[in-house]
């Protein structure tokens, strides 16, 4: 900036007064005066992103988006495989025990959490699934149902 710029005349008090106000309330002239006053004090103010920033953002998006999509797909597949494993374990348990009065009846909650699936899977593996069970959210365990 040139020294004869109309905006370079801000003293420290006027500059501090502008900095204390929200930038959205400043007029264009006040913003330009603020920019010139900062430039006069050696503070660089950029109105646009550098080419390095634009390229970095472009490559981050090109690499990051597919990575996040693949990660979320793997997580979804893992949950689907896990639920299939629990279902098949319950079916094996039913075939092994036979279909009679002791056949387990699992009352699933509206929103089945990962913790509930894990505890159910552990109960099936330990052969502890008997009668009617339902998830108790406060105790974080499966309890005998009514």
Protein backbone atom coordinates (compact mmCIF):
# COMPACT_ATOMS: atom_id res chain seq x y z
CA UNK A 1 0.00 0.00 0.00
CA UNK A 2 1.08 3.53 -0.55
CA UNK A 3 1.59 5.93 2.27
CA UNK A 4 -0.89 8.42 0.77
CA UNK A 5 -3.76 5.92 1.03
CA UNK A 6 -6.80 7.41 2.73
CA UNK A 7 -7.15 4.34 4.96
CA UNK A 8 -3.58 4.32 6.36
CA UNK A 9 -4.30 7.17 8.80
CA UNK A 10 -5.81 5.00 11.53
CA UNK A 11 -4.07 5.37 14.85
CA UNK A 12 -3.96 2.58 17.46
CA UNK A 13 -7.12 3.80 19.21
CA UNK A 14 -9.18 3.88 16.01
CA UNK A 15 -7.82 0.48 14.98
CA UNK A 16 -8.70 -1.03 18.37
CA UNK A 17 -12.19 0.50 18.14
CA UNK A 18 -12.73 -1.19 14.75
CA UNK A 19 -11.36 -4.51 16.02
CA UNK A 20 -13.75 -4.50 18.99
CA UNK A 21 -16.79 -4.32 16.71
CA UNK A 22 -18.12 -7.42 14.92
CA UNK A 23 -16.76 -7.54 11.37
CA UNK A 24 -20.26 -8.11 9.99
CA UNK A 25 -21.30 -4.67 11.24
CA UNK A 26 -18.44 -2.79 9.55
CA UNK A 27 -18.95 -0.95 6.29
CA UNK A 28 -16.80 -1.61 3.23
CA UNK A 29 -14.84 1.59 3.88
CA UNK A 30 -14.20 0.57 7.50
CA UNK A 31 -13.08 -2.89 6.41
CA UNK A 32 -10.68 -1.42 3.86
CA UNK A 33 -9.34 1.01 6.48
CA UNK A 34 -8.86 -1.93 8.84
CA UNK A 35 -7.01 -3.89 6.14
CA UNK A 36 -4.75 -0.96 5.25
CA UNK A 37 -4.01 -0.22 8.91
CA UNK A 38 -3.02 -3.84 9.47
CA UNK A 39 -0.86 -3.82 6.31
CA UNK A 40 0.87 -0.64 7.52
CA UNK A 41 1.77 -2.49 10.73
CA UNK A 42 3.17 -5.48 8.82
CA UNK A 43 0.15 -7.77 9.22
CA UNK A 44 -0.68 -9.57 5.97
CA UNK A 45 -4.41 -9.77 5.19
CA UNK A 46 -5.48 -12.02 2.31
CA UNK A 47 -8.78 -11.64 0.52
CA UNK A 48 -8.56 -15.03 -1.17
CA UNK A 49 -7.05 -18.44 -0.65
CA UNK A 50 -3.60 -19.16 -2.03
CA UNK A 51 -3.13 -21.70 -4.80
CA UNK A 52 -1.43 -24.02 -2.31
CA UNK A 53 -4.51 -23.96 -0.06
CA UNK A 54 -6.84 -24.62 -2.99
CA UNK A 55 -4.70 -27.55 -4.20
CA UNK A 56 -4.44 -29.00 -0.72
CA UNK A 57 -8.22 -28.81 -0.25
CA UNK A 58 -8.77 -30.39 -3.69
CA UNK A 59 -6.43 -33.33 -3.01
CA UNK A 60 -7.76 -33.79 0.52
CA UNK A 61 -11.29 -34.05 -0.89
CA UNK A 62 -10.18 -36.42 -3.66
CA UNK A 63 -8.40 -38.71 -1.20
CA UNK A 64 -10.50 -38.17 1.93
CA UNK A 65 -13.99 -38.74 0.56
CA UNK A 66 -13.32 -42.22 -0.87
CA UNK A 67 -11.46 -43.16 2.32
CA UNK A 68 -14.39 -42.13 4.53
CA UNK A 69 -16.84 -43.91 2.21
CA UNK A 70 -14.79 -47.13 2.31
CA UNK A 71 -14.44 -46.88 6.07
CA UNK A 72 -18.18 -46.43 6.58
CA UNK A 73 -18.93 -49.31 4.19
CA UNK A 74 -16.60 -51.60 6.14
CA UNK A 75 -18.27 -50.60 9.40
CA UNK A 76 -21.73 -51.29 7.93
CA UNK A 77 -20.60 -54.66 6.59
CA UNK A 78 -19.09 -55.52 9.97
CA UNK A 79 -22.37 -54.77 11.77
CA UNK A 80 -24.32 -56.77 9.17
CA UNK A 81 -21.96 -59.74 9.53
CA UNK A 82 -22.17 -59.51 13.30
CA UNK A 83 -25.97 -59.57 13.30
CA UNK A 84 -25.91 -62.57 10.92
CA UNK A 85 -23.53 -64.33 13.29
CA UNK A 86 -25.82 -63.74 16.29
CA UNK A 87 -28.87 -64.89 14.31
CA UNK A 88 -27.15 -68.06 13.15
CA UNK A 89 -25.91 -68.75 16.70
CA UNK A 90 -29.49 -68.43 18.01
CA UNK A 91 -30.70 -70.78 15.25
CA UNK A 92 -27.99 -73.32 16.12
CA UNK A 93 -29.01 -73.06 19.75
CA UNK A 94 -32.65 -73.72 18.83
CA UNK A 95 -31.72 -76.76 16.76
CA UNK A 96 -29.45 -78.10 19.46
CA UNK A 97 -31.94 -77.60 22.28
CA UNK A 98 -34.95 -78.59 20.20
CA UNK A 99 -38.23 -76.76 19.91
CA UNK A 100 -40.00 -77.12 23.26
CA UNK A 101 -40.92 -75.02 26.30
CA UNK A 102 -37.33 -73.95 26.83
CA UNK A 103 -37.06 -72.39 23.39
CA UNK A 104 -35.68 -68.86 23.92
CA UNK A 105 -37.78 -65.90 22.93
CA UNK A 106 -35.75 -62.71 22.49
CA UNK A 107 -37.63 -59.44 22.81
CA UNK A 108 -35.51 -56.95 20.86
CA UNK A 109 -35.60 -53.26 21.83
CA UNK A 110 -36.56 -50.59 19.30
CA UNK A 111 -32.96 -49.45 18.97
CA UNK A 112 -30.55 -52.32 19.39
CA UNK A 113 -27.18 -51.02 20.55
CA UNK A 114 -23.82 -52.62 19.85
CA UNK A 115 -23.51 -53.40 23.53
CA UNK A 116 -26.83 -55.29 23.52
CA UNK A 117 -25.72 -57.34 20.48
CA UNK A 118 -22.42 -58.17 22.14
CA UNK A 119 -24.02 -59.31 25.40
CA UNK A 120 -26.59 -61.39 23.48
CA UNK A 121 -23.85 -62.99 21.41
CA UNK A 122 -21.88 -63.83 24.57
CA UNK A 123 -25.01 -65.37 26.16
CA UNK A 124 -25.58 -67.56 23.10
CA UNK A 125 -21.94 -68.68 23.04
CA UNK A 126 -22.04 -69.48 26.77
CA UNK A 127 -25.32 -71.40 26.32
CA UNK A 128 -27.09 -69.10 28.82
CA UNK A 129 -30.07 -68.22 26.63
CA UNK A 130 -33.23 -69.73 28.14
CA UNK A 131 -36.87 -68.67 28.15
CA UNK A 132 -37.94 -65.16 27.29
CA UNK A 133 -35.33 -62.42 27.60
CA UNK A 134 -35.49 -58.67 27.07
CA UNK A 135 -32.86 -55.94 27.16
CA UNK A 136 -32.66 -53.83 30.33
CA UNK A 137 -31.15 -50.52 29.23
CA UNK A 138 -30.44 -49.24 32.75
CA UNK A 139 -28.58 -52.39 33.86
CA UNK A 140 -27.10 -52.97 30.36
CA UNK A 141 -27.98 -56.67 30.47
CA UNK A 142 -30.55 -59.16 29.22
CA UNK A 143 -33.13 -60.08 31.87
CA UNK A 144 -35.83 -62.73 32.03
CA UNK A 145 -38.99 -61.28 30.53
CA UNK A 146 -42.62 -61.64 31.51
